[in-house]
PDB file of N, CA and C in Angstrom:
ATOM      1  N   MET A   1     -57.726 -30.740 -55.896  1.00  0.00           N
ATOM      2  CA  MET A   1     -57.492 -29.879 -56.562  1.00  0.00           C
ATOM      3  C   MET A   1     -56.320 -31.020 -58.181  1.00  0.00           C
ATOM      4  N   PHE A   2     -56.595 -30.863 -59.130  1.00  0.00           N
ATOM      5  CA  PHE A   2     -56.375 -31.491 -59.763  1.00  0.00           C
ATOM      6  C   PHE A   2     -55.346 -30.731 -60.632  1.00  0.00           C
ATOM      7  N   SER A   3     -54.340 -31.101 -60.897  1.00  0.00           N
ATOM      8  CA  SER A   3     -53.245 -31.194 -61.564  1.00  0.00           C
ATOM      9  C   SER A   3     -52.451 -31.638 -62.628  1.00  0.00           C
ATOM     10  N   ALA A   4     -52.357 -30.992 -64.147  1.00  0.00           N
ATOM     11  CA  ALA A   4     -52.025 -32.032 -64.911  1.00  0.00           C
ATOM     12  C   ALA A   4     -50.968 -33.123 -65.092  1.00  0.00           C
ATOM     13  N   PRO A   5     -50.755 -33.817 -65.030  1.00  0.00           N
ATOM     14  CA  PRO A   5     -49.212 -34.219 -65.435  1.00  0.00           C
ATOM     15  C   PRO A   5     -47.954 -33.696 -66.521  1.00  0.00           C
ATOM     16  N   PRO A   6     -46.727 -33.466 -65.625  1.00  0.00           N
ATOM     17  CA  PRO A   6     -46.106 -32.878 -66.190  1.00  0.00           C
ATOM     18  C   PRO A   6     -45.689 -33.315 -67.726  1.00  0.00           C
ATOM     19  N   ALA A   7     -45.347 -32.767 -68.761  1.00  0.00           N
ATOM     20  CA  ALA A   7     -45.236 -33.199 -70.556  1.00  0.00           C
ATOM     21  C   ALA A   7     -44.015 -33.861 -70.518  1.00  0.00           C
ATOM     22  N   PRO A   8     -44.603 -35.049 -70.685  1.00  0.00           N
ATOM     23  CA  PRO A   8     -43.499 -35.965 -71.406  1.00  0.00           C
ATOM     24  C   PRO A   8     -42.226 -35.629 -71.871  1.00  0.00           C
ATOM     25  N   PRO A   9     -40.847 -35.509 -71.728  1.00  0.00           N
ATOM     26  CA  PRO A   9     -39.765 -35.132 -72.309  1.00  0.00           C
ATOM     27  C   PRO A   9     -39.656 -34.846 -73.853  1.00  0.00           C
ATOM     28  N   ALA A  10     -38.980 -34.169 -74.847  1.00  0.00           N
ATOM     29  CA  ALA A  10     -39.598 -34.189 -75.935  1.00  0.00           C
ATOM     30  C   ALA A  10     -38.248 -35.810 -76.851  1.00  0.00           C
ATOM     31  N   VAL A  11     -38.528 -35.862 -77.525  1.00  0.00           N
ATOM     32  CA  VAL A  11     -37.764 -37.228 -78.276  1.00  0.00           C
ATOM     33  C   VAL A  11     -36.984 -37.165 -78.989  1.00  0.00           C
ATOM     34  N   VAL A  12     -36.258 -36.787 -79.030  1.00  0.00           N
ATOM     35  CA  VAL A  12     -34.817 -37.016 -79.947  1.00  0.00           C
ATOM     36  C   VAL A  12     -34.780 -37.684 -81.299  1.00  0.00           C
ATOM     37  N   PRO A  13     -35.313 -37.658 -82.302  1.00  0.00           N
ATOM     38  CA  PRO A  13     -35.190 -39.582 -83.132  1.00  0.00           C
ATOM     39  C   PRO A  13     -33.642 -39.320 -83.380  1.00  0.00           C
ATOM     40  N   GLU A  14     -33.096 -40.592 -83.816  1.00  0.00           N
ATOM     41  CA  GLU A  14     -31.894 -40.845 -84.176  1.00  0.00           C
ATOM     42  C   GLU A  14     -31.528 -40.463 -85.392  1.00  0.00           C
ATOM     43  N   SER A  15     -32.648 -40.527 -86.107  1.00  0.00           N
ATOM     44  CA  SER A  15     -32.160 -39.896 -87.489  1.00  0.00           C
ATOM     45  C   SER A  15     -33.647 -39.142 -88.162  1.00  0.00           C
ATOM     46  N   VAL A  16     -33.471 -38.117 -89.014  1.00  0.00           N
ATOM     47  CA  VAL A  16     -34.516 -37.243 -89.775  1.00  0.00           C
ATOM     48  C   VAL A  16     -34.145 -37.757 -91.378  1.00  0.00           C
ATOM     49  N   SER A  17     -35.263 -37.277 -91.859  1.00  0.00           N
ATOM     50  CA  SER A  17     -34.847 -37.550 -93.519  1.00  0.00           C
ATOM     51  C   SER A  17     -33.988 -35.755 -94.225  1.00  0.00           C
ATOM     52  N   ALA A  18     -34.111 -35.874 -94.723  1.00  0.00           N
ATOM     53  CA  ALA A  18     -33.165 -34.645 -95.095  1.00  0.00           C
ATOM     54  C   ALA A  18     -34.364 -33.472 -95.445  1.00  0.00           C
ATOM     55  N   ARG A  19     -35.386 -33.763 -96.039  1.00  0.00           N
ATOM     56  CA  ARG A  19     -36.486 -32.983 -95.353  1.00  0.00           C
ATOM     57  C   ARG A  19     -36.759 -32.528 -94.299  1.00  0.00           C
ATOM     58  N   GLN A  20     -36.689 -32.810 -93.626  1.00  0.00           N
ATOM     59  CA  GLN A  20     -36.804 -32.360 -92.347  1.00  0.00           C
ATOM     60  C   GLN A  20     -35.858 -31.923 -91.661  1.00  0.00           C
ATOM     61  N   PHE A  21     -34.679 -32.464 -92.181  1.00  0.00           N
ATOM     62  CA  PHE A  21     -33.683 -31.311 -91.192  1.00  0.00           C
ATOM     63  C   PHE A  21     -33.659 -30.026 -91.954  1.00  0.00           C
ATOM     64  N   HIS A  22     -33.590 -30.597 -93.148  1.00  0.00           N
ATOM     65  CA  HIS A  22     -33.236 -28.801 -93.736  1.00  0.00           C
ATOM     66  C   HIS A  22     -34.785 -28.161 -93.493  1.00  0.00           C
ATOM     67  N   LEU A  23     -35.652 -28.135 -93.478  1.00  0.00           N
ATOM     68  CA  LEU A  23     -37.191 -27.404 -92.644  1.00  0.00           C
ATOM     69  C   LEU A  23     -37.209 -27.095 -91.488  1.00  0.00           C
ATOM     70  N   GLN A  24     -36.147 -28.003 -90.267  1.00  0.00           N
ATOM     71  CA  GLN A  24     -36.096 -27.459 -88.815  1.00  0.00           C
ATOM     72  C   GLN A  24     -35.546 -26.480 -88.943  1.00  0.00           C
ATOM     73  N   LEU A  25     -34.057 -26.773 -89.658  1.00  0.00           N
ATOM     74  CA  LEU A  25     -32.586 -25.587 -89.587  1.00  0.00           C
ATOM     75  C   LEU A  25     -33.808 -24.578 -89.646  1.00  0.00           C
ATOM     76  N   SER A  26     -34.715 -24.300 -90.703  1.00  0.00           N
ATOM     77  CA  SER A  26     -35.280 -22.976 -91.223  1.00  0.00           C
ATOM     78  C   SER A  26     -35.891 -22.485 -90.154  1.00  0.00           C
ATOM     79  N   VAL A  27     -36.535 -23.593 -89.425  1.00  0.00           N
ATOM     80  CA  VAL A  27     -37.648 -22.830 -88.429  1.00  0.00           C
ATOM     81  C   VAL A  27     -37.102 -22.740 -87.725  1.00  0.00           C
ATOM     82  N   ALA A  28     -35.902 -23.026 -86.882  1.00  0.00           N
ATOM     83  CA  ALA A  28     -34.993 -22.941 -85.423  1.00  0.00           C
ATOM     84  C   ALA A  28     -34.158 -21.806 -86.090  1.00  0.00           C
ATOM     85  N   GLY A  29     -34.156 -21.181 -87.166  1.00  0.00           N
ATOM     86  CA  GLY A  29     -33.247 -20.149 -87.337  1.00  0.00           C
ATOM     87  C   GLY A  29     -31.657 -20.107 -87.577  1.00  0.00           C
ATOM     88  N   LEU A  30     -31.725 -20.908 -88.227  1.00  0.00           N
ATOM     89  CA  LEU A  30     -30.060 -21.729 -87.481  1.00  0.00           C
ATOM     90  C   LEU A  30     -29.786 -22.114 -89.213  1.00  0.00           C
ATOM     91  N   ARG A  31     -30.602 -21.999 -90.264  1.00  0.00           N
ATOM     92  CA  ARG A  31     -30.010 -22.029 -91.828  1.00  0.00           C
ATOM     93  C   ARG A  31     -28.802 -21.183 -92.177  1.00  0.00           C
ATOM     94  N   ALA A  32     -28.909 -20.207 -92.458  1.00  0.00           N
ATOM     95  CA  ALA A  32     -27.665 -19.724 -92.693  1.00  0.00           C
ATOM     96  C   ALA A  32     -26.457 -19.711 -91.429  1.00  0.00           C
ATOM     97  N   GLN A  33     -26.781 -20.080 -90.654  1.00  0.00           N
ATOM     98  CA  GLN A  33     -24.838 -20.267 -89.864  1.00  0.00           C
ATOM     99  C   GLN A  33     -24.845 -21.389 -90.121  1.00  0.00           C
ATOM    100  N   VAL A  34     -25.428 -22.100 -90.255  1.00  0.00           N
ATOM    101  CA  VAL A  34     -25.363 -23.954 -90.890  1.00  0.00           C
ATOM    102  C   VAL A  34     -24.641 -24.118 -92.204  1.00  0.00           C
ATOM    103  N   ILE A  35     -25.263 -23.383 -93.118  1.00  0.00           N
ATOM    104  CA  ILE A  35     -25.024 -23.512 -94.537  1.00  0.00           C
ATOM    105  C   ILE A  35     -23.314 -22.410 -95.115  1.00  0.00           C
ATOM    106  N   ALA A  36     -23.120 -21.506 -93.593  1.00  0.00           N
ATOM    107  CA  ALA A  36     -21.929 -20.701 -93.456  1.00  0.00           C
ATOM    108  C   ALA A  36     -20.817 -22.149 -92.984  1.00  0.00           C
ATOM    109  N   TRP A  37     -20.972 -22.417 -91.888  1.00  0.00           N
ATOM    110  CA  TRP A  37     -20.206 -23.491 -91.848  1.00  0.00           C
ATOM    111  C   TRP A  37     -20.046 -24.724 -92.471  1.00  0.00           C
ATOM    112  N   ILE A  38     -20.810 -25.182 -93.406  1.00  0.00           N
ATOM    113  CA  ILE A  38     -20.894 -26.090 -94.018  1.00  0.00           C
ATOM    114  C   ILE A  38     -19.872 -25.641 -95.194  1.00  0.00           C
ATOM    115  N   GLY A  39     -20.000 -24.988 -95.554  1.00  0.00           N
ATOM    116  CA  GLY A  39     -18.594 -23.915 -96.694  1.00  0.00           C
ATOM    117  C   GLY A  39     -17.498 -23.951 -96.317  1.00  0.00           C
ATOM    118  N   THR A  40     -17.280 -24.163 -94.908  1.00  0.00           N
ATOM    119  CA  THR A  40     -15.766 -24.139 -94.828  1.00  0.00           C
ATOM    120  C   THR A  40     -15.457 -25.506 -94.423  1.00  0.00           C
ATOM    121  N   GLN A  41     -15.972 -26.267 -94.800  1.00  0.00           N
ATOM    122  CA  GLN A  41     -15.926 -27.937 -94.478  1.00  0.00           C
ATOM    123  C   GLN A  41     -15.358 -28.324 -95.789  1.00  0.00           C
ATOM    124  N   PRO A  42     -14.843 -29.967 -95.922  1.00  0.00           N
ATOM    125  CA  PRO A  42     -14.239 -30.249 -97.292  1.00  0.00           C
ATOM    126  C   PRO A  42     -15.038 -30.639 -97.997  1.00  0.00           C
ATOM    127  N   VAL A  43     -14.668 -30.434 -99.474  1.00  0.00           N
ATOM    128  CA  VAL A  43     -15.856 -30.776-100.153  1.00  0.00           C
ATOM    129  C   VAL A  43     -16.617 -32.388-100.102  1.00  0.00           C
ATOM    130  N   GLU A  44     -16.173 -33.327 -99.717  1.00  0.00           N
ATOM    131  CA  GLU A  44     -17.221 -34.821 -99.654  1.00  0.00           C
ATOM    132  C   GLU A  44     -18.200 -34.205 -98.366  1.00  0.00           C
ATOM    133  N   MET A  45     -17.540 -33.692 -97.369  1.00  0.00           N
ATOM    134  CA  MET A  45     -18.624 -33.133 -96.591  1.00  0.00           C
ATOM    135  C   MET A  45     -19.997 -32.285 -96.939  1.00  0.00           C
ATOM    136  N   GLN A  46     -19.422 -30.911 -97.957  1.00  0.00           N
ATOM    137  CA  GLN A  46     -20.820 -30.174 -99.225  1.00  0.00           C
ATOM    138  C   GLN A  46     -21.630 -31.408 -99.105  1.00  0.00           C
ATOM    139  N   ASP A  47     -20.596 -32.101-100.037  1.00  0.00           N
ATOM    140  CA  ASP A  47     -21.382 -32.774-100.606  1.00  0.00           C
ATOM    141  C   ASP A  47     -22.324 -34.443-100.002  1.00  0.00           C
ATOM    142  N   ALA A  48     -21.625 -34.279 -98.993  1.00  0.00           N
ATOM    143  CA  ALA A  48     -23.383 -35.190 -97.594  1.00  0.00           C
ATOM    144  C   ALA A  48     -24.172 -34.239 -97.425  1.00  0.00           C
ATOM    145  N   PHE A  49     -23.829 -32.992 -97.072  1.00  0.00           N
ATOM    146  CA  PHE A  49     -25.237 -32.168 -96.415  1.00  0.00           C
ATOM    147  C   PHE A  49     -25.845 -32.113 -97.784  1.00  0.00           C
ATOM    148  N   GLU A  50     -25.268 -31.502 -98.947  1.00  0.00           N
ATOM    149  CA  GLU A  50     -26.321 -31.592-100.420  1.00  0.00           C
ATOM    150  C   GLU A  50     -26.902 -32.486-100.731  1.00  0.00           C
ATOM    151  N   TYR A  51     -26.496 -33.794-100.760  1.00  0.00           N
ATOM    152  CA  TYR A  51     -27.303 -34.630-101.228  1.00  0.00           C
ATOM    153  C   TYR A  51     -27.703 -36.006-100.671  1.00  0.00           C
ATOM    154  N   SER A  52     -27.578 -36.207 -99.621  1.00  0.00           N
ATOM    155  CA  SER A  52     -28.042 -36.737 -98.112  1.00  0.00           C
ATOM    156  C   SER A  52     -29.301 -37.215 -98.157  1.00  0.00           C
ATOM    157  N   GLY A  53     -29.694 -38.569 -98.054  1.00  0.00           N
ATOM    158  CA  GLY A  53     -31.064 -38.325 -98.072  1.00  0.00           C
ATOM    159  C   GLY A  53     -31.756 -38.654 -97.160  1.00  0.00           C
ATOM    160  N   SER A  54     -30.951 -38.192 -95.758  1.00  0.00           N
ATOM    161  CA  SER A  54     -31.236 -38.580 -94.205  1.00  0.00           C
ATOM    162  C   SER A  54     -29.759 -38.157 -93.676  1.00  0.00           C
ATOM    163  N   PHE A  55     -30.084 -37.859 -92.325  1.00  0.00           N
ATOM    164  CA  PHE A  55     -29.130 -37.241 -91.596  1.00  0.00           C
ATOM    165  C   PHE A  55     -29.394 -37.974 -90.042  1.00  0.00           C
ATOM    166  N   VAL A  56     -28.301 -38.801 -89.985  1.00  0.00           N
ATOM    167  CA  VAL A  56     -27.896 -39.463 -88.491  1.00  0.00           C
ATOM    168  C   VAL A  56     -26.873 -38.634 -87.271  1.00  0.00           C
ATOM    169  N   ARG A  57     -27.692 -39.051 -86.471  1.00  0.00           N
ATOM    170  CA  ARG A  57     -27.517 -37.508 -85.118  1.00  0.00           C
ATOM    171  C   ARG A  57     -25.958 -38.034 -84.964  1.00  0.00           C
ATOM    172  N   SER A  58     -25.548 -39.467 -84.655  1.00  0.00           N
ATOM    173  CA  SER A  58     -24.423 -39.720 -83.962  1.00  0.00           C
ATOM    174  C   SER A  58     -23.491 -39.324 -85.490  1.00  0.00           C
ATOM    175  N   GLU A  59     -23.510 -39.552 -86.603  1.00  0.00           N
ATOM    176  CA  GLU A  59     -22.171 -39.048 -87.665  1.00  0.00           C
ATOM    177  C   GLU A  59     -21.670 -38.574 -87.396  1.00  0.00           C
ATOM    178  N   PRO A  60     -20.016 -38.824 -87.566  1.00  0.00           N
ATOM    179  CA  PRO A  60     -19.446 -37.722 -87.326  1.00  0.00           C
ATOM    180  C   PRO A  60     -19.331 -36.437 -88.196  1.00  0.00           C
ATOM    181  N   MET A  61     -19.919 -36.222 -89.086  1.00  0.00           N
ATOM    182  CA  MET A  61     -20.743 -34.832 -89.660  1.00  0.00           C
ATOM    183  C   MET A  61     -21.766 -34.224 -88.867  1.00  0.00           C
ATOM    184  N   MET A  62     -22.525 -35.320 -88.857  1.00  0.00           N
ATOM    185  CA  MET A  62     -23.270 -33.993 -87.450  1.00  0.00           C
ATOM    186  C   MET A  62     -22.484 -33.971 -86.166  1.00  0.00           C
ATOM    187  N   GLU A  63     -22.357 -34.533 -85.917  1.00  0.00           N
ATOM    188  CA  GLU A  63     -21.611 -34.749 -84.192  1.00  0.00           C
ATOM    189  C   GLU A  63     -20.036 -33.359 -84.867  1.00  0.00           C
ATOM    190  N   SER A  64     -19.935 -33.030 -85.839  1.00  0.00           N
ATOM    191  CA  SER A  64     -18.708 -32.035 -85.496  1.00  0.00           C
ATOM    192  C   SER A  64     -19.254 -30.443 -86.268  1.00  0.00           C
ATOM    193  N   GLY A  65     -20.525 -31.246 -86.844  1.00  0.00           N
ATOM    194  CA  GLY A  65     -21.650 -29.820 -86.769  1.00  0.00           C
ATOM    195  C   GLY A  65     -21.969 -29.202 -85.556  1.00  0.00           C
ATOM    196  N   PHE A  66     -22.625 -29.936 -84.935  1.00  0.00           N
ATOM    197  CA  PHE A  66     -23.298 -29.659 -83.317  1.00  0.00           C
ATOM    198  C   PHE A  66     -22.173 -29.043 -82.887  1.00  0.00           C
ATOM    199  N   ALA A  67     -20.831 -29.514 -82.694  1.00  0.00           N
ATOM    200  CA  ALA A  67     -19.679 -28.866 -82.064  1.00  0.00           C
ATOM    201  C   ALA A  67     -19.357 -27.204 -82.250  1.00  0.00           C
ATOM    202  N   ALA A  68     -19.251 -27.831 -83.569  1.00  0.00           N
ATOM    203  CA  ALA A  68     -19.314 -25.848 -84.172  1.00  0.00           C
ATOM    204  C   ALA A  68     -20.292 -25.087 -83.705  1.00  0.00           C
ATOM    205  N   LEU A  69     -21.435 -25.685 -83.660  1.00  0.00           N
ATOM    206  CA  LEU A  69     -22.575 -24.782 -83.189  1.00  0.00           C
ATOM    207  C   LEU A  69     -22.777 -24.461 -82.043  1.00  0.00           C
ATOM    208  N   GLY A  70     -22.063 -24.843 -80.916  1.00  0.00           N
ATOM    209  CA  GLY A  70     -22.162 -25.224 -79.352  1.00  0.00           C
ATOM    210  C   GLY A  70     -22.888 -25.745 -79.277  1.00  0.00           C
ATOM    211  N   TYR A  71     -23.104 -26.748 -79.837  1.00  0.00           N
ATOM    212  CA  TYR A  71     -24.082 -27.865 -79.227  1.00  0.00           C
ATOM    213  C   TYR A  71     -23.292 -29.452 -78.417  1.00  0.00           C
ATOM    214  N   THR A  72     -24.327 -29.875 -77.869  1.00  0.00           N
ATOM    215  CA  THR A  72     -23.485 -30.986 -76.868  1.00  0.00           C
ATOM    216  C   THR A  72     -25.044 -31.846 -77.558  1.00  0.00           C
ATOM    217  N   SER A  73     -24.563 -33.355 -76.948  1.00  0.00           N
ATOM    218  CA  SER A  73     -25.627 -34.544 -77.370  1.00  0.00           C
ATOM    219  C   SER A  73     -26.036 -34.496 -75.586  1.00  0.00           C
ATOM    220  N   ALA A  74     -25.713 -33.789 -74.726  1.00  0.00           N
ATOM    221  CA  ALA A  74     -27.087 -34.080 -73.734  1.00  0.00           C
ATOM    222  C   ALA A  74     -28.250 -33.612 -73.821  1.00  0.00           C
TER     223      ALA A  74
END
């Protein structure tokens, strides 16, 4: 009997474009939650969220957001 091999684990990119990031927030149902959190942050972080061309997973802003929303790097 043939069994298909297990699917490889999903690859989490180190960075994504701003378009990819914002679209994925919507797909995941996190957009409103993230925007609410960003609204509580310093203006520099709000500007980075609004005007960045890309989002890098290891940047302090991203790490702060992940932690605030209960996500870990694992």
